[in-house]
Protein backbone atom coordinates (compact mmCIF):
# COMPACT_ATOMS: atom_id res chain seq x y z
CA MET A 1 -61.22 -63.97 12.67
CA ALA A 2 -62.97 -66.96 10.92
CA SER A 3 -65.66 -69.14 12.63
CA SER A 4 -64.93 -72.77 11.92
CA LEU A 5 -68.30 -74.09 13.31
CA GLU A 6 -70.23 -71.11 10.98
CA ASN A 7 -67.88 -71.59 8.03
CA GLU A 8 -67.94 -67.76 7.78
CA VAL A 9 -65.21 -65.04 8.46
CA HIS A 10 -65.69 -62.12 10.54
CA LEU A 11 -64.06 -59.63 9.71
CA PRO A 12 -63.34 -56.67 11.83
CA LEU A 13 -65.65 -53.53 11.92
CA ILE A 14 -63.49 -50.40 10.91
CA ASP A 15 -65.55 -47.84 11.93
CA ILE A 16 -64.69 -44.85 8.69
CA SER A 17 -66.07 -42.03 10.91
CA GLU A 18 -63.36 -41.72 13.62
CA PHE A 19 -60.84 -41.65 10.93
CA GLN A 20 -62.06 -39.00 8.96
CA LEU A 21 -62.43 -37.31 12.54
CA GLU A 22 -58.95 -38.25 12.76
CA LEU A 23 -58.15 -36.36 9.52
CA GLU A 24 -59.80 -33.78 10.55
CA ARG A 25 -57.82 -32.77 14.07
CA GLY A 26 -54.77 -33.91 12.53
CA GLY A 27 -53.82 -34.53 9.00
CA PRO A 28 -53.47 -37.61 6.93
CA ASN A 29 -50.15 -39.04 9.84
CA ASN A 30 -52.38 -38.54 12.32
CA LEU A 31 -54.23 -41.67 11.23
CA GLN A 32 -51.34 -43.77 12.75
CA ASN A 33 -52.59 -43.16 16.10
CA HIS A 34 -55.41 -44.11 15.80
CA TYR A 35 -56.51 -47.50 17.90
CA SER A 36 -57.75 -49.89 14.67
CA VAL A 37 -54.98 -48.99 12.19
CA ALA A 38 -53.70 -52.90 13.73
CA SER A 39 -56.76 -54.42 12.92
CA VAL A 40 -56.75 -52.97 9.29
CA ARG A 41 -53.08 -54.67 8.98
CA GLU A 42 -53.92 -57.46 10.54
CA ALA A 43 -56.64 -58.28 8.04
CA CYS A 44 -54.65 -56.93 4.94
CA LYS A 45 -52.63 -59.00 6.16
CA GLU A 46 -54.16 -62.38 6.86
CA TRP A 47 -57.36 -62.18 4.43
CA GLY A 48 -57.02 -58.80 2.70
CA ILE A 49 -60.18 -57.45 3.27
CA PHE A 50 -62.10 -55.81 5.82
CA ARG A 51 -65.62 -54.49 6.52
CA LEU A 52 -66.25 -50.20 6.67
CA VAL A 53 -68.88 -48.73 9.01
CA ASN A 54 -70.29 -45.99 9.90
CA HIS A 55 -69.55 -44.39 6.99
CA SER A 56 -71.49 -40.87 5.11
CA ILE A 57 -73.37 -42.81 2.39
CA PRO A 58 -76.82 -42.21 3.00
CA GLN A 59 -79.17 -45.35 3.14
CA ASN A 60 -81.54 -43.70 1.30
CA LEU A 61 -78.89 -43.29 -1.49
CA LEU A 62 -77.94 -47.55 -1.17
CA GLN A 63 -81.37 -47.84 -1.83
CA GLN A 64 -81.73 -45.93 -4.51
CA ILE A 65 -78.33 -47.60 -6.57
CA GLU A 66 -79.89 -51.39 -5.92
CA SER A 67 -83.35 -49.81 -7.59
CA VAL A 68 -81.86 -48.10 -10.29
CA SER A 69 -79.33 -51.46 -11.19
CA HIS A 70 -82.56 -53.62 -10.69
CA GLN A 71 -83.77 -50.91 -13.88
CA PHE A 72 -80.76 -51.20 -15.58
CA PHE A 73 -80.86 -55.02 -15.42
CA SER A 74 -84.34 -55.63 -16.26
CA VAL A 75 -84.95 -53.66 -19.64
CA PRO A 76 -85.17 -56.16 -23.04
CA ALA A 77 -81.75 -57.85 -23.88
CA GLU A 78 -81.56 -55.86 -27.05
CA THR A 79 -82.07 -52.16 -24.83
CA LYS A 80 -78.56 -53.28 -22.97
CA GLU A 81 -77.17 -54.33 -25.60
CA ARG A 82 -77.18 -50.49 -27.20
CA ALA A 83 -74.80 -50.02 -24.22
CA ALA A 84 -72.24 -52.86 -25.02
CA ALA A 85 -68.67 -51.63 -24.19
CA CYS A 86 -67.13 -53.33 -27.08
CA ASN A 87 -63.39 -52.22 -26.81
CA THR A 88 -63.43 -50.98 -23.50
CA ASN A 89 -64.25 -52.07 -20.51
CA ASN A 90 -67.33 -48.97 -20.24
CA GLY A 91 -70.91 -50.46 -21.31
CA TYR A 92 -72.48 -54.00 -20.87
CA THR A 93 -70.95 -56.88 -20.74
CA LYS A 94 -73.14 -60.10 -20.55
CA PHE A 95 -71.03 -63.08 -19.12
CA ALA A 96 -72.33 -66.73 -18.82
CA THR A 97 -73.86 -66.47 -15.01
CA ASN A 98 -73.94 -62.83 -15.24
CA GLU A 99 -74.10 -59.24 -16.65
CA ILE A 100 -72.93 -56.56 -16.04
CA VAL A 101 -72.82 -52.41 -16.70
CA CYS A 102 -69.47 -50.56 -16.04
CA PHE A 103 -69.03 -46.77 -15.82
CA SER A 104 -64.97 -45.89 -16.23
CA ASP A 105 -61.99 -43.72 -15.53
CA LEU A 106 -64.20 -41.97 -12.81
CA PRO A 107 -63.86 -39.14 -12.11
CA ASN A 108 -62.12 -37.81 -15.33
CA SER A 109 -64.45 -39.80 -17.82
CA ASN A 110 -67.97 -38.65 -19.27
CA SER A 111 -69.02 -42.16 -18.97
CA VAL A 112 -71.88 -42.12 -16.46
CA PRO A 113 -74.20 -40.05 -18.67
CA GLY A 114 -73.37 -41.75 -21.85
CA VAL A 115 -73.89 -45.01 -20.92
CA CYS A 116 -77.30 -43.94 -19.50
CA GLU A 117 -78.27 -42.86 -22.65
CA ARG A 118 -77.43 -45.55 -24.52
CA ILE A 119 -79.75 -47.41 -22.95
CA TRP A 120 -82.61 -44.83 -22.42
CA PRO A 121 -82.44 -42.10 -25.08
CA LEU A 122 -84.32 -39.10 -25.73
CA PRO A 123 -87.21 -39.71 -25.62
CA ASP A 124 -86.83 -41.12 -22.53
CA GLU A 125 -85.50 -38.36 -20.78
CA GLU A 126 -87.12 -38.89 -17.19
CA THR A 127 -84.86 -42.16 -16.78
CA ALA A 128 -81.92 -41.81 -17.75
CA THR A 129 -81.80 -38.41 -15.95
CA THR A 130 -82.99 -40.17 -12.53
CA CYS A 131 -80.13 -43.11 -13.44
CA ARG A 132 -77.38 -40.58 -14.73
CA GLU A 133 -77.91 -38.15 -11.26
CA THR A 134 -77.90 -41.06 -9.18
CA VAL A 135 -75.33 -43.34 -10.12
CA GLY A 136 -73.13 -39.91 -10.62
CA THR A 137 -74.47 -39.34 -6.87
CA TYR A 138 -72.81 -42.49 -5.72
CA ALA A 139 -69.94 -42.41 -7.70
CA SER A 140 -68.65 -39.42 -5.91
CA ALA A 141 -69.49 -40.69 -3.20
CA LEU A 142 -68.17 -43.35 -3.30
CA LEU A 143 -64.86 -41.94 -4.46
CA ASP A 144 -64.58 -39.67 -1.28
CA LEU A 145 -64.84 -42.95 0.48
CA ALA A 146 -62.50 -44.73 -1.47
CA GLN A 147 -59.84 -41.49 -0.66
CA THR A 148 -60.23 -42.19 3.07
CA THR A 149 -60.28 -45.84 2.79
CA THR A 150 -57.00 -45.30 0.66
CA LYS A 151 -55.24 -42.97 3.82
CA ILE A 152 -55.91 -45.60 6.24
CA ILE A 153 -54.19 -48.29 3.95
CA LEU A 154 -51.71 -46.35 3.74
CA ALA A 155 -51.81 -45.81 7.65
CA SER A 156 -51.82 -49.43 8.47
CA LEU A 157 -49.06 -49.73 6.68
CA GLY A 158 -46.56 -47.40 8.96
CA LEU A 159 -46.22 -44.60 5.79
CA ASP A 160 -45.92 -40.95 6.18
CA VAL A 161 -49.45 -40.59 4.52
CA ASP A 162 -49.97 -36.98 2.92
CA THR A 163 -46.03 -38.19 1.40
CA PHE A 164 -47.34 -41.04 -0.43
CA TYR A 165 -50.57 -40.16 -1.02
CA HIS A 166 -49.75 -37.55 -3.08
CA SER A 167 -47.06 -38.92 -4.87
CA ASP A 168 -48.63 -42.74 -6.04
CA PHE A 169 -52.03 -43.03 -5.25
CA GLU A 170 -53.34 -38.88 -5.80
CA LYS A 171 -54.46 -39.60 -9.57
CA ASN A 172 -56.30 -42.79 -9.22
CA THR A 173 -59.21 -43.54 -10.99
CA GLY A 174 -62.02 -45.68 -10.51
CA ASN A 175 -64.91 -48.16 -12.22
CA LEU A 176 -68.38 -48.59 -10.75
CA VAL A 177 -69.20 -51.63 -11.67
CA LEU A 178 -73.32 -52.71 -11.12
CA ASN A 179 -73.56 -56.59 -11.22
CA HIS A 180 -76.12 -59.05 -11.42
CA TYR A 181 -76.64 -62.34 -10.59
CA SER A 182 -79.85 -64.21 -11.76
CA CYS A 183 -80.48 -68.06 -10.67
CA ASP A 184 -82.35 -69.45 -14.10
CA GLY A 185 -81.66 -73.15 -13.31
CA ARG A 186 -78.13 -73.59 -14.65
CA ILE A 187 -76.62 -73.18 -11.66
CA SER A 188 -77.25 -75.38 -8.09
CA LEU A 189 -76.42 -74.64 -4.26
CA GLU A 190 -72.87 -74.23 -3.73
CA GLU A 191 -72.01 -73.41 -6.84
CA ALA A 192 -69.76 -70.49 -8.39
CA ALA A 193 -71.65 -68.21 -10.32
CA MET A 194 -68.76 -66.20 -10.75
CA VAL A 195 -65.42 -68.02 -10.52
CA PRO A 196 -62.46 -67.61 -7.59
CA HIS A 197 -60.29 -64.56 -8.93
CA THR A 198 -58.29 -61.70 -7.58
CA ASP A 199 -58.96 -57.99 -8.96
CA PRO A 200 -56.14 -56.54 -10.52
CA CYS A 201 -56.82 -52.69 -9.41
CA CYS A 202 -55.55 -51.68 -5.87
CA PHE A 203 -58.30 -52.57 -3.79
CA THR A 204 -62.58 -52.29 -4.24
CA ILE A 205 -65.12 -51.56 -2.34
CA LEU A 206 -68.27 -53.49 -2.75
CA TYR A 207 -72.01 -53.09 -1.81
CA GLN A 208 -73.52 -56.40 -1.99
CA ALA A 209 -76.89 -55.17 -0.38
CA ASN A 210 -78.57 -57.92 1.68
CA GLN A 211 -78.23 -60.92 -0.34
CA GLY A 212 -75.88 -63.42 0.33
CA GLY A 213 -73.01 -65.28 -1.44
CA LEU A 214 -69.91 -64.02 -1.59
CA GLN A 215 -66.82 -66.36 -0.12
CA ILE A 216 -63.47 -65.28 0.78
CA ARG A 217 -60.69 -68.35 0.40
CA SER A 218 -58.56 -68.46 3.44
CA LYS A 219 -54.31 -69.78 3.14
CA GLU A 220 -55.26 -72.74 4.38
CA GLY A 221 -57.50 -73.04 1.06
CA LYS A 222 -61.06 -73.04 2.38
CA TRP A 223 -63.90 -71.60 1.61
CA LEU A 224 -65.50 -68.92 4.05
CA ASN A 225 -69.26 -66.57 4.07
CA VAL A 226 -69.08 -63.38 4.17
CA LYS A 227 -72.06 -62.38 5.45
CA PRO A 228 -73.74 -59.16 4.15
CA LEU A 229 -74.11 -56.25 7.10
CA PRO A 230 -76.70 -53.78 6.65
CA ASN A 231 -75.32 -50.38 5.17
CA SER A 232 -71.72 -51.51 5.08
CA PHE A 233 -68.84 -52.11 2.74
CA VAL A 234 -66.12 -54.45 1.79
CA VAL A 235 -63.23 -53.51 1.06
CA PHE A 236 -60.64 -56.09 -0.86
CA ILE A 237 -56.89 -55.35 -1.33
CA ALA A 238 -56.38 -56.49 -5.40
CA ASP A 239 -53.51 -57.31 -6.89
CA SER A 240 -51.35 -53.62 -8.02
CA LEU A 241 -51.76 -52.79 -3.96
CA LYS A 242 -50.25 -56.70 -3.39
CA VAL A 243 -47.62 -55.31 -5.91
CA TRP A 244 -46.89 -52.30 -4.56
CA THR A 245 -46.68 -53.64 -0.71
CA ASN A 246 -43.85 -56.04 -1.80
CA GLY A 247 -46.66 -58.85 -0.76
CA ILE A 248 -46.80 -57.32 2.51
CA TYR A 249 -50.65 -57.21 1.82
CA CYS A 250 -52.54 -60.15 -0.33
CA SER A 251 -55.60 -59.61 -2.51
CA ALA A 252 -58.48 -61.47 -1.79
CA ASP A 253 -59.57 -64.50 -3.33
CA HIS A 254 -63.18 -64.29 -3.75
CA ARG A 255 -66.01 -66.06 -5.82
CA VAL A 256 -69.43 -65.71 -5.66
CA VAL A 257 -71.76 -69.19 -5.37
CA TYR A 258 -75.39 -69.39 -5.36
CA SER A 259 -77.07 -69.16 -1.96
CA GLY A 260 -80.71 -69.66 -3.01
CA TRP A 261 -81.40 -65.88 -4.20
CA LYS A 262 -83.29 -66.08 -7.16
CA ASP A 263 -81.83 -62.60 -7.76
CA ARG A 264 -78.63 -61.04 -6.77
CA ILE A 265 -77.13 -57.09 -7.63
CA SER A 266 -73.69 -55.98 -5.73
CA VAL A 267 -72.86 -52.38 -6.61
CA ALA A 268 -68.56 -52.48 -6.65
CA LEU A 269 -65.88 -49.30 -6.99
CA LEU A 270 -62.78 -50.57 -8.68
CA ILE A 271 -60.11 -48.31 -8.20
CA TYR A 272 -57.32 -48.14 -10.16
CA PHE A 273 -53.60 -46.82 -10.57
CA PRO A 274 -53.52 -44.35 -13.80
CA HIS A 275 -52.86 -46.63 -17.17
CA GLU A 276 -49.04 -45.35 -17.16
CA LYS A 277 -48.16 -45.54 -13.75
CA GLU A 278 -44.84 -47.73 -13.20
CA ILE A 279 -46.02 -50.55 -10.31
CA TRP A 280 -43.16 -50.22 -8.03
CA ALA A 281 -43.16 -51.28 -4.27
CA PRO A 282 -41.13 -48.59 -2.67
CA GLY A 283 -37.80 -49.04 -0.84
CA GLU A 284 -40.11 -48.59 2.90
CA LEU A 285 -41.78 -51.60 2.48
CA VAL A 286 -38.88 -53.40 1.64
CA ASP A 287 -36.62 -55.53 4.43
CA GLY A 288 -32.95 -54.84 4.26
CA ASP A 289 -32.16 -58.65 3.17
CA GLN A 290 -35.47 -58.82 0.71
CA LYS A 291 -35.42 -58.58 -2.49
CA ARG A 292 -38.42 -56.76 -4.23
CA LEU A 293 -41.09 -59.75 -4.91
CA TYR A 294 -42.22 -58.37 -8.35
CA ARG A 295 -40.57 -56.65 -11.62
CA PRO A 296 -41.78 -52.79 -12.08
CA PHE A 297 -44.65 -52.69 -15.39
CA THR A 298 -47.01 -50.72 -16.05
CA PHE A 299 -50.84 -50.56 -14.94
CA THR A 300 -51.44 -51.43 -18.29
CA GLN A 301 -49.36 -54.16 -18.83
CA MET A 302 -50.86 -55.92 -15.79
CA LEU A 303 -54.71 -55.53 -17.36
CA GLU A 304 -53.76 -57.09 -19.95
CA GLU A 305 -52.24 -60.14 -18.30
CA PHE A 306 -55.65 -60.11 -16.41
CA VAL A 307 -57.20 -60.23 -19.52
CA LYS A 308 -55.27 -62.85 -21.24
CA SER A 309 -56.04 -64.97 -17.61
CA TRP A 310 -59.87 -64.64 -18.39
CA ALA A 311 -59.68 -66.05 -21.88
CA SER A 312 -57.78 -68.88 -20.27
CA THR A 313 -58.32 -71.91 -18.44
CA GLU A 314 -55.77 -71.03 -14.91
CA GLN A 315 -56.31 -70.33 -12.31
CA LYS A 316 -57.78 -67.09 -12.49
CA SER A 317 -55.65 -65.73 -8.77
CA THR A 318 -52.54 -66.62 -9.77
CA PHE A 319 -52.14 -64.30 -13.08
CA ILE A 320 -49.77 -61.62 -11.10
CA ASP A 321 -47.56 -64.67 -10.64
CA ARG A 322 -46.16 -63.91 -13.71
CA PHE A 323 -44.75 -60.44 -13.08
CA ALA A 324 -43.08 -62.06 -9.93
CA GLY A 325 -38.71 -62.02 -9.61
CA LEU A 326 -36.49 -59.19 -10.90
């Protein structure tokens, strides 16, 4: 899958439109018969990442979410601070080398209009309305894409898709995150603009526009470039799903490095288990002689450990090991 000559990982291209046709024809469990399920399984076991193409997200909506992201991050610092995240994930946060705006707990929350109106309060109603509608439309479309992606992942595990989707994944929520990286001389070529880490959620659907910088680490420890492909999404398996699959699928250890861009925008949808849900590998994914690799814990407990890891100097991609063993 990886080309050592180009230092690039070549991800399988999963045509999600074909999966959607299978869903319409035969229901969720018919996905297991699709020829590319094996490619998803291989990619998730080896890398924890694959790429979605031929989705139903219009290209003009992708352009609009890029434009809105630039609008958010181009306003003065004191304006962005009106939407500061405080003690929640909802709102604006500034880091050393990047900044984000997060819309949390979708589709259940009022976060999209709330954050937009904190940045553009009346009388600047037109801008707030445009941004609110664009972010809301994009979030809704990505949540639909995430549902199909969840079913593809379940099919790739050989599970009864309908049963496990309704029992474990139907109530999942999403955080939509707009990311902005800028180079002002503080970082140099190939220096990390985002430290290596794995995500704490189930999986992440990332749109990285047409700018490079995303890298993934192989099991051998080598960093490989994930080059952008126009009109596609990258899916990262994350730590919650790694635990739920009993380690069958790995969580993607990734980072962002400076590769010559002046400004870099990406948009991520992170899919979360309900906060009080106990995360526990089902028996169907535990072989007869193999024990569960992780003790049960709630998603709230997992997030608490994730936050602690970011506040410390430890490697961010190893915090999940705190839950290893029964």
